[in-house]
Amino acid sequence: MNRITDIALWDGEAALGISTLEWALDGTDGVITDVRSSDAASSTAAEFAVIPGLIDTHVHLVGNAGPRPADFLTWPLTTRPEEQTLHGLANAVAAMRAGVTTVRDLSADDIQFSLRRAIDDAVVAGPRVLAHGMVSMTAGHGDLFIPPAFPLRKPLADGPDECRKLVRHWARAGADGVKIATSGGVLSVGDKSAWRNYTGAEIDAIVDEAHALGMRVAAHAHTEAGIDAALDHGVDSIEHGTLLTAEQAARIAAAGITVAPTLLINDRIAAGENGVSAEQSAKAVELVERRDTLMRAAADAGVDFVLGTDANGHHVRFGDQMAEVRLMASIFGWAPERALEAGTSRAARAIGRESQLGRLAPGHLADFVVLRGEPWNDIAALDTANIVAVVSRGRVVAGALPVG
């Protein structure tokens, strides 16, 4: 039995005061067995605090993790898959050591599926990985990361039948879900955010087939039209949702659909950072200039915003997740506890793992972060500089547990 005593504890939904946390190792994993008030007087100030491990619902693990600068768009085209796998693992480990114990990759293929299996089998250490295959049309957002003349393209699907087939392909490969685009993008080249991606019949086929095979559908959507298309056809989450209207916010809140707002990445692209092109920056500026007011109103209307960074190791690093949560709190006017929920219990519900993740409760998996400070009282304490230890799958993967 493993134990931490006399720590201030926030369980994913509420502060429990000074507590004891116990967990047991179960093969390659760890399970929380008890959470209870400590014998220490309630007035005693704890030196350390514990929160559930963060869950980033929107990442892209495969990107340059090395110290040498690399062009974001050409690096995947000039780097062998075997090498990309190692970079993906390095990015995953960096996230884990920064307190992110679960990530969902929303543009996955055999590299991420292989990483997930190796991590689950304890061949290598890493965070829990969920992986969604991309279902993209020709000349869609997912296709336009690759130059037109480059022959090695990711799988594409046009027409309802091809869309169904590609969903089935990803199911056979072991995907946890699929991602589609219902608007153009920012980092893709040659399109505009306002471009339609997929017809209603194609989206219907994708969502119907994914749900029939037990897979969730995440929809990349920046614009009002793109968000409408995603909502009209029953997707499970909205990624970005940058220009959502008051009417759409009401629909989203009523349906219980989560939105990952990916704030940092669009701010940085709009600012022209990290070598982005003038085209990419201009597209981000057009979105960001209206975003904060719209999203603050949506948050006030009850939209369930959750942590999703779009981290790729280039524009947003694996380790920037706590900064994203702090920015969400600032833009949405949230109390610290609501901001923490976005990265823990609410994020767990967004990926369908609320019975296992995002909480510190008996029966949940043993993923948590030990910090200096109490971020549920002061969100500024949610900072990687304050991390004392990270426990993933019941094992210490960064720092050291306090002794006492």
Protein backbone atom coordinates (compact mmCIF):
# COMPACT_ATOMS: atom_id res chain seq x y z
CA MET A 1 0.00 0.00 0.00
CA ASN A 2 1.23 3.50 -0.89
CA ARG A 3 0.25 6.55 1.11
CA ILE A 4 0.62 10.32 1.38
CA THR A 5 -0.50 11.87 4.66
CA ASP A 6 -1.29 15.35 5.91
CA ILE A 7 -1.67 16.95 2.50
CA ALA A 8 -4.27 19.47 1.38
CA LEU A 9 -6.41 17.65 -1.17
CA TRP A 10 -8.74 18.74 -3.95
CA ASP A 11 -10.53 15.70 -5.34
CA GLY A 12 -11.55 16.99 -8.78
CA GLU A 13 -14.75 18.62 -7.57
CA ALA A 14 -14.16 19.93 -4.05
CA ALA A 15 -11.48 20.63 -1.47
CA LEU A 16 -11.42 17.98 1.28
CA GLY A 17 -9.05 19.70 3.68
CA ILE A 18 -6.01 17.96 5.13
CA SER A 19 -6.23 14.35 4.06
CA THR A 20 -4.56 11.02 3.56
CA LEU A 21 -4.45 9.47 0.10
CA GLU A 22 -3.78 5.75 -0.32
CA TRP A 23 -3.35 3.71 -3.48
CA ALA A 24 -2.31 0.23 -4.52
CA LEU A 25 -0.37 -1.03 -7.51
CA ASP A 26 -2.38 -3.32 -9.76
CA GLY A 27 -0.12 -4.89 -12.37
CA THR A 28 0.91 -2.09 -14.71
CA ASP A 29 -1.47 0.42 -13.13
CA GLY A 30 -2.45 1.95 -9.80
CA VAL A 31 -5.83 2.33 -8.12
CA ILE A 32 -6.85 4.70 -5.33
CA THR A 33 -8.04 2.70 -2.33
CA ASP A 34 -8.85 5.39 0.24
CA VAL A 35 -9.18 9.15 0.64
CA ARG A 36 -9.91 10.31 4.18
CA SER A 37 -9.44 13.21 6.54
CA SER A 38 -6.14 13.10 8.37
CA ASP A 39 -5.71 13.10 12.11
CA ALA A 40 -4.03 16.48 11.81
CA ALA A 41 -6.13 19.34 13.11
CA SER A 42 -8.14 21.07 10.40
CA SER A 43 -6.52 24.36 11.31
CA THR A 44 -3.07 23.02 10.50
CA ALA A 45 -1.67 24.33 7.26
CA ALA A 46 -0.39 21.60 4.96
CA GLU A 47 2.96 22.10 3.25
CA PHE A 48 1.84 20.33 0.08
CA ALA A 49 -1.34 19.96 -1.96
CA VAL A 50 -2.61 17.20 -4.23
CA ILE A 51 -4.87 17.46 -7.29
CA PRO A 52 -5.82 14.89 -9.94
CA GLY A 53 -3.51 14.63 -12.92
CA LEU A 54 -4.50 16.98 -15.73
CA ILE A 55 -6.23 15.69 -18.86
CA ASP A 56 -5.48 17.44 -22.17
CA THR A 57 -8.31 16.52 -24.53
CA HIS A 58 -6.62 17.87 -27.69
CA VAL A 59 -2.96 17.27 -28.54
CA HIS A 60 -0.79 16.19 -31.46
CA LEU A 61 2.03 14.09 -30.07
CA VAL A 62 4.01 13.67 -33.27
CA GLY A 63 6.19 16.74 -33.68
CA ASN A 64 9.82 17.67 -33.33
CA ALA A 65 10.87 17.16 -29.71
CA GLY A 66 14.58 17.78 -30.26
CA PRO A 67 16.64 20.87 -29.44
CA ARG A 68 17.36 21.77 -33.06
CA PRO A 69 14.76 24.03 -34.70
CA ALA A 70 12.62 22.38 -37.33
CA ASP A 71 9.95 23.69 -39.67
CA PHE A 72 6.53 22.68 -38.39
CA LEU A 73 5.09 21.72 -41.78
CA THR A 74 8.06 20.01 -43.42
CA TRP A 75 9.44 18.08 -40.43
CA PRO A 76 6.79 15.31 -40.65
CA LEU A 77 7.45 14.97 -44.39
CA THR A 78 11.21 14.53 -44.03
CA THR A 79 11.37 12.44 -40.86
CA ARG A 80 10.98 8.68 -40.92
CA PRO A 81 8.00 7.18 -39.02
CA GLU A 82 10.33 5.26 -36.69
CA GLU A 83 11.99 8.52 -35.67
CA GLN A 84 8.64 10.31 -35.37
CA THR A 85 7.56 7.64 -32.90
CA LEU A 86 10.49 8.46 -30.62
CA HIS A 87 9.70 12.17 -30.80
CA GLY A 88 6.05 11.41 -30.01
CA LEU A 89 7.10 9.44 -26.95
CA ALA A 90 9.38 12.28 -25.82
CA ASN A 91 6.51 14.75 -26.12
CA ALA A 92 4.20 12.43 -24.19
CA VAL A 93 6.73 12.06 -21.38
CA ALA A 94 7.27 15.83 -21.25
CA ALA A 95 3.53 16.31 -20.78
CA MET A 96 3.41 13.67 -18.05
CA ARG A 97 6.28 15.19 -16.11
CA ALA A 98 4.45 18.52 -16.27
CA GLY A 99 1.42 17.03 -14.53
CA VAL A 100 -0.59 15.91 -17.57
CA THR A 101 -1.32 12.24 -16.96
CA THR A 102 -3.81 11.74 -19.83
CA VAL A 103 -3.69 13.09 -23.39
CA ARG A 104 -6.03 12.66 -26.34
CA ASP A 105 -4.31 12.81 -29.72
CA LEU A 106 -6.73 14.09 -32.35
CA SER A 107 -4.78 13.28 -35.49
CA ALA A 108 -3.53 9.80 -34.77
CA ASP A 109 -2.38 6.90 -36.90
CA ASP A 110 -0.32 3.78 -36.33
CA ILE A 111 2.41 5.79 -34.56
CA GLN A 112 0.08 6.93 -31.77
CA PHE A 113 -1.74 3.59 -31.64
CA SER A 114 1.61 1.87 -31.16
CA LEU A 115 2.68 4.38 -28.51
CA ARG A 116 -0.57 3.84 -26.62
CA ARG A 117 -0.15 0.07 -26.60
CA ALA A 118 3.50 0.25 -25.51
CA ILE A 119 2.64 2.63 -22.67
CA ASP A 120 -0.37 0.58 -21.55
CA ASP A 121 1.80 -2.55 -21.45
CA ALA A 122 4.51 -0.73 -19.43
CA VAL A 123 7.08 -1.25 -22.19
CA VAL A 124 7.81 2.48 -21.82
CA ALA A 125 6.59 5.03 -19.28
CA GLY A 126 4.14 7.66 -20.43
CA PRO A 127 0.75 9.24 -19.83
CA ARG A 128 -2.50 7.55 -20.73
CA VAL A 129 -3.06 8.10 -24.44
CA LEU A 130 -6.35 8.19 -26.30
CA ALA A 131 -6.02 8.35 -30.08
CA HIS A 132 -8.52 9.56 -32.69
CA GLY A 133 -8.00 8.95 -36.41
CA MET A 134 -8.59 11.90 -38.73
CA VAL A 135 -11.35 11.67 -41.33
CA SER A 136 -10.62 14.44 -43.82
CA MET A 137 -11.79 15.29 -47.32
CA THR A 138 -9.52 16.02 -50.26
CA ALA A 139 -8.41 19.65 -49.94
CA GLY A 140 -9.82 19.76 -46.43
CA HIS A 141 -8.14 21.05 -43.29
CA GLY A 142 -6.50 17.70 -42.54
CA ASP A 143 -5.19 17.37 -46.11
CA LEU A 144 -3.73 20.85 -46.50
CA PHE A 145 -0.79 20.30 -44.17
CA ILE A 146 0.82 18.44 -47.07
CA PRO A 147 1.97 20.22 -50.27
CA PRO A 148 -0.07 19.37 -53.38
CA ALA A 149 2.82 17.68 -55.19
CA PHE A 150 3.89 15.51 -52.24
CA PRO A 151 2.77 11.95 -53.04
CA LEU A 152 2.63 10.44 -49.52
CA ARG A 153 -0.70 11.66 -48.20
CA LYS A 154 -2.64 10.63 -45.12
CA PRO A 155 -5.85 8.66 -45.76
CA LEU A 156 -8.67 10.79 -47.21
CA ALA A 157 -12.36 10.18 -47.79
CA ASP A 158 -14.82 11.81 -50.18
CA GLY A 159 -18.49 10.88 -50.33
CA PRO A 160 -20.54 9.10 -47.66
CA ASP A 161 -19.37 5.59 -48.56
CA GLU A 162 -15.67 6.49 -48.44
CA CYS A 163 -16.27 8.30 -45.16
CA ARG A 164 -17.82 5.19 -43.64
CA LYS A 165 -14.95 3.07 -44.90
CA LEU A 166 -12.32 5.36 -43.38
CA VAL A 167 -14.11 5.34 -40.02
CA ARG A 168 -14.10 1.54 -40.18
CA HIS A 169 -10.40 1.59 -41.09
CA TRP A 170 -9.61 3.58 -37.95
CA ALA A 171 -11.80 1.28 -35.84
CA ARG A 172 -9.89 -1.75 -37.12
CA ALA A 173 -6.57 -0.01 -36.43
CA GLY A 174 -7.57 0.53 -32.79
CA ALA A 175 -8.67 4.18 -32.68
CA ASP A 176 -10.62 5.41 -29.65
CA GLY A 177 -12.55 7.82 -31.86
CA VAL A 178 -12.38 9.98 -34.96
CA LYS A 179 -11.88 13.65 -35.65
CA ILE A 180 -13.42 15.59 -38.49
CA ALA A 181 -13.17 19.19 -39.67
CA THR A 182 -16.34 21.12 -40.37
CA SER A 183 -14.49 24.36 -41.15
CA GLY A 184 -11.13 25.29 -42.55
CA GLY A 185 -8.16 25.83 -40.28
CA VAL A 186 -5.35 28.15 -39.29
CA LEU A 187 -2.12 26.17 -39.70
CA SER A 188 -3.27 24.32 -42.83
CA VAL A 189 -1.97 25.98 -45.99
CA GLY A 190 -4.07 27.39 -48.80
CA ASP A 191 -7.49 27.27 -47.16
CA LYS A 192 -9.52 29.73 -45.11
CA SER A 193 -11.25 29.17 -41.81
CA ALA A 194 -14.61 29.92 -43.45
CA TRP A 195 -14.32 27.11 -46.00
CA ARG A 196 -16.86 24.32 -45.69
CA ASN A 197 -15.36 20.92 -44.94
CA TYR A 198 -17.69 18.03 -45.77
CA THR A 199 -21.35 18.04 -46.78
CA GLY A 200 -24.15 17.17 -44.42
CA ALA A 201 -24.48 13.70 -45.93
CA GLU A 202 -20.78 13.00 -45.39
CA ILE A 203 -20.85 14.21 -41.77
CA ASP A 204 -23.95 12.12 -41.13
CA ALA A 205 -22.15 9.03 -42.44
CA ILE A 206 -19.07 9.68 -40.30
CA VAL A 207 -20.97 10.31 -37.08
CA ASP A 208 -23.39 7.43 -37.63
CA GLU A 209 -20.61 4.94 -38.36
CA ALA A 210 -18.38 6.12 -35.51
CA HIS A 211 -21.20 5.91 -32.99
CA ALA A 212 -22.24 2.49 -34.29
CA LEU A 213 -18.69 1.31 -33.59
CA GLY A 214 -18.57 2.88 -30.12
CA MET A 215 -16.29 5.77 -31.05
CA ARG A 216 -16.64 9.45 -30.21
CA VAL A 217 -16.47 12.18 -32.84
CA ALA A 218 -14.50 15.37 -32.18
CA ALA A 219 -15.17 18.20 -34.63
CA HIS A 220 -12.64 20.90 -35.51
CA ALA A 221 -14.78 24.00 -36.06
CA HIS A 222 -13.76 27.66 -35.89
CA THR A 223 -16.64 29.47 -37.59
CA GLU A 224 -20.36 29.87 -36.99
CA ALA A 225 -21.19 27.75 -40.05
CA GLY A 226 -18.68 25.07 -39.04
CA ILE A 227 -20.05 24.91 -35.51
CA ASP A 228 -23.62 24.65 -36.84
CA ALA A 229 -22.61 21.77 -39.12
CA ALA A 230 -21.02 19.92 -36.21
CA LEU A 231 -24.00 20.47 -33.90
CA ASP A 232 -26.59 19.62 -36.55
CA HIS A 233 -25.06 16.18 -37.05
CA GLY A 234 -24.52 15.11 -33.44
CA VAL A 235 -20.79 15.28 -32.77
CA ASP A 236 -19.53 14.67 -29.25
CA SER A 237 -17.15 17.61 -28.83
CA ILE A 238 -16.25 20.88 -30.50
CA GLU A 239 -12.57 21.64 -30.93
CA HIS A 240 -11.73 25.38 -30.95
CA GLY A 241 -15.31 26.75 -31.32
CA THR A 242 -13.72 30.15 -31.76
CA LEU A 243 -16.64 32.18 -33.14
CA LEU A 244 -19.54 30.46 -31.40
CA THR A 245 -22.64 32.64 -31.15
CA ALA A 246 -25.02 33.11 -28.25
CA GLU A 247 -27.56 30.83 -29.95
CA GLN A 248 -24.93 28.15 -30.46
CA ALA A 249 -23.75 28.48 -26.88
CA ALA A 250 -27.29 27.77 -25.71
CA ARG A 251 -27.47 24.69 -27.98
CA ILE A 252 -24.10 23.43 -26.81
CA ALA A 253 -24.95 23.89 -23.13
CA ALA A 254 -28.33 22.18 -23.53
CA ALA A 255 -26.77 19.23 -25.36
CA GLY A 256 -23.93 18.85 -22.86
CA ILE A 257 -21.30 19.00 -25.59
CA THR A 258 -17.82 20.01 -24.47
CA VAL A 259 -15.68 22.66 -26.15
CA ALA A 260 -11.86 22.73 -26.08
CA PRO A 261 -11.03 26.40 -26.79
CA THR A 262 -7.27 26.05 -27.56
CA LEU A 263 -6.51 29.61 -26.52
CA LEU A 264 -2.72 29.76 -26.29
CA ILE A 265 -2.00 28.35 -29.72
CA ASN A 266 -4.23 30.80 -31.55
CA ASP A 267 -2.84 33.72 -29.53
CA ARG A 268 0.70 32.71 -30.45
CA ILE A 269 -0.07 32.19 -34.12
CA ALA A 270 -1.86 35.54 -34.26
CA ALA A 271 1.21 37.16 -32.69
CA GLY A 272 3.40 35.68 -35.44
CA GLU A 273 5.45 33.58 -33.03
CA ASN A 274 7.46 30.43 -33.75
CA GLY A 275 8.03 31.11 -37.42
CA VAL A 276 4.39 31.08 -38.55
CA SER A 277 3.68 32.41 -42.03
CA ALA A 278 1.89 35.68 -42.76
CA GLU A 279 -1.08 33.64 -44.03
CA GLN A 280 -1.31 31.62 -40.82
CA SER A 281 -0.98 34.69 -38.63
CA ALA A 282 -3.63 36.61 -40.57
CA LYS A 283 -6.12 33.74 -40.27
CA ALA A 284 -5.54 33.57 -36.50
CA VAL A 285 -5.87 37.33 -36.07
CA GLU A 286 -9.25 37.26 -37.82
CA LEU A 287 -10.47 34.66 -35.34
CA VAL A 288 -8.86 35.88 -32.12
CA GLU A 289 -10.02 39.50 -32.37
CA ARG A 290 -13.61 38.42 -31.63
CA ARG A 291 -12.96 35.28 -29.63
CA ASP A 292 -12.62 36.38 -26.02
CA THR A 293 -15.90 38.29 -25.82
CA LEU A 294 -17.83 35.47 -27.50
CA MET A 295 -16.28 32.78 -25.34
CA ARG A 296 -16.76 34.69 -22.09
CA ALA A 297 -20.45 35.00 -22.94
CA ALA A 298 -20.59 31.31 -23.79
CA ALA A 299 -18.97 30.38 -20.49
CA ASP A 300 -21.53 32.54 -18.68
CA ALA A 301 -24.26 30.68 -20.60
CA GLY A 302 -23.02 27.36 -19.25
CA VAL A 303 -20.90 25.98 -22.08
CA ASP A 304 -18.71 23.20 -20.72
CA PHE A 305 -15.24 24.37 -21.71
CA VAL A 306 -12.51 21.81 -21.02
CA LEU A 307 -8.74 21.73 -21.28
CA GLY A 308 -7.56 21.20 -24.84
CA THR A 309 -4.36 22.90 -25.93
CA ASP A 310 -3.66 21.66 -29.48
CA ALA A 311 -0.12 21.13 -28.16
CA ASN A 312 2.22 20.01 -30.91
CA GLY A 313 5.65 20.71 -29.42
CA HIS A 314 6.10 23.70 -31.71
CA HIS A 315 3.47 26.38 -31.11
CA VAL A 316 2.34 24.97 -27.76
CA ARG A 317 4.77 22.81 -25.83
CA PHE A 318 4.00 19.71 -23.85
CA GLY A 319 4.24 21.42 -20.51
CA ASP A 320 2.16 24.51 -21.34
CA GLN A 321 -1.09 22.93 -20.13
CA MET A 322 -1.11 24.64 -16.74
CA ALA A 323 -0.61 27.98 -18.48
CA GLU A 324 -3.64 27.19 -20.69
CA VAL A 325 -5.79 26.53 -17.60
CA ARG A 326 -4.70 29.83 -16.07
CA LEU A 327 -5.56 31.64 -19.31
CA MET A 328 -8.98 29.97 -19.40
CA ALA A 329 -9.65 31.22 -15.89
CA SER A 330 -8.67 34.75 -16.87
CA ILE A 331 -10.68 34.95 -20.11
CA PHE A 332 -13.79 33.19 -18.80
CA GLY A 333 -13.80 34.91 -15.41
CA TRP A 334 -13.78 31.60 -13.59
CA ALA A 335 -13.17 30.86 -9.94
CA PRO A 336 -10.05 28.70 -9.49
CA GLU A 337 -12.06 25.53 -8.80
CA ARG A 338 -13.99 25.82 -12.06
CA ALA A 339 -10.71 26.22 -13.94
CA LEU A 340 -9.29 23.11 -12.29
CA GLU A 341 -12.42 21.14 -13.15
CA ALA A 342 -11.82 21.99 -16.82
CA GLY A 343 -8.56 20.08 -16.70
CA THR A 344 -9.67 17.20 -14.46
CA SER A 345 -13.22 15.95 -13.79
CA ARG A 346 -14.88 17.78 -16.69
CA ALA A 347 -12.12 16.77 -19.09
CA ALA A 348 -12.57 13.16 -17.98
CA ARG A 349 -16.26 13.34 -18.87
CA ALA A 350 -15.36 14.85 -22.24
CA ILE A 351 -13.38 11.74 -23.17
CA GLY A 352 -15.81 9.28 -21.58
CA ARG A 353 -13.50 8.24 -18.75
CA GLU A 354 -15.18 9.91 -15.77
CA SER A 355 -15.53 6.60 -13.92
CA GLN A 356 -11.74 6.19 -13.88
CA LEU A 357 -10.03 9.54 -14.30
CA GLY A 358 -10.21 13.16 -13.21
CA ARG A 359 -11.05 12.46 -9.56
CA LEU A 360 -9.23 11.43 -6.41
CA ALA A 361 -11.70 8.87 -5.09
CA PRO A 362 -11.60 5.17 -4.20
CA GLY A 363 -11.73 3.06 -7.35
CA HIS A 364 -10.33 5.77 -9.59
CA LEU A 365 -6.92 5.35 -11.16
CA ALA A 366 -3.91 6.69 -9.29
CA ASP A 367 -2.92 9.73 -11.38
CA PHE A 368 -2.17 12.87 -9.40
CA VAL A 369 0.12 15.86 -8.93
CA VAL A 370 1.71 17.06 -5.68
CA LEU A 371 2.20 20.83 -5.59
CA ARG A 372 3.29 23.68 -3.41
CA GLY A 373 0.31 25.98 -2.96
CA GLU A 374 -3.41 25.37 -3.31
CA PRO A 375 -4.52 26.12 -6.88
CA TRP A 376 -8.21 25.69 -5.99
CA ASN A 377 -7.81 28.83 -3.87
CA ASP A 378 -5.31 30.65 -6.11
CA ILE A 379 -5.07 29.53 -9.72
CA ALA A 380 -1.61 31.15 -9.97
CA ALA A 381 -0.34 28.21 -7.90
CA LEU A 382 -1.13 25.93 -10.84
CA ASP A 383 2.36 26.24 -12.30
CA THR A 384 4.94 23.68 -13.30
CA ALA A 385 7.44 25.50 -11.08
CA ASN A 386 5.36 24.37 -8.09
CA ILE A 387 5.34 20.66 -8.96
CA VAL A 388 6.81 18.47 -6.23
CA ALA A 389 5.91 15.09 -7.72
CA VAL A 390 3.80 13.52 -10.45
CA VAL A 391 2.27 10.07 -9.98
CA SER A 392 1.01 8.26 -13.06
CA ARG A 393 -0.43 4.74 -12.92
CA GLY A 394 0.45 4.65 -9.24
CA ARG A 395 4.16 5.26 -9.79
CA VAL A 396 6.25 8.39 -9.29
CA VAL A 397 7.30 9.62 -12.73
CA ALA A 398 8.64 13.07 -11.78
CA GLY A 399 10.05 14.55 -8.57
CA ALA A 400 9.70 12.76 -5.25
CA LEU A 401 6.82 12.25 -2.86
CA PRO A 402 7.04 14.24 0.37
CA VAL A 403 8.05 12.18 3.38
CA GLY A 404 6.02 12.58 6.51
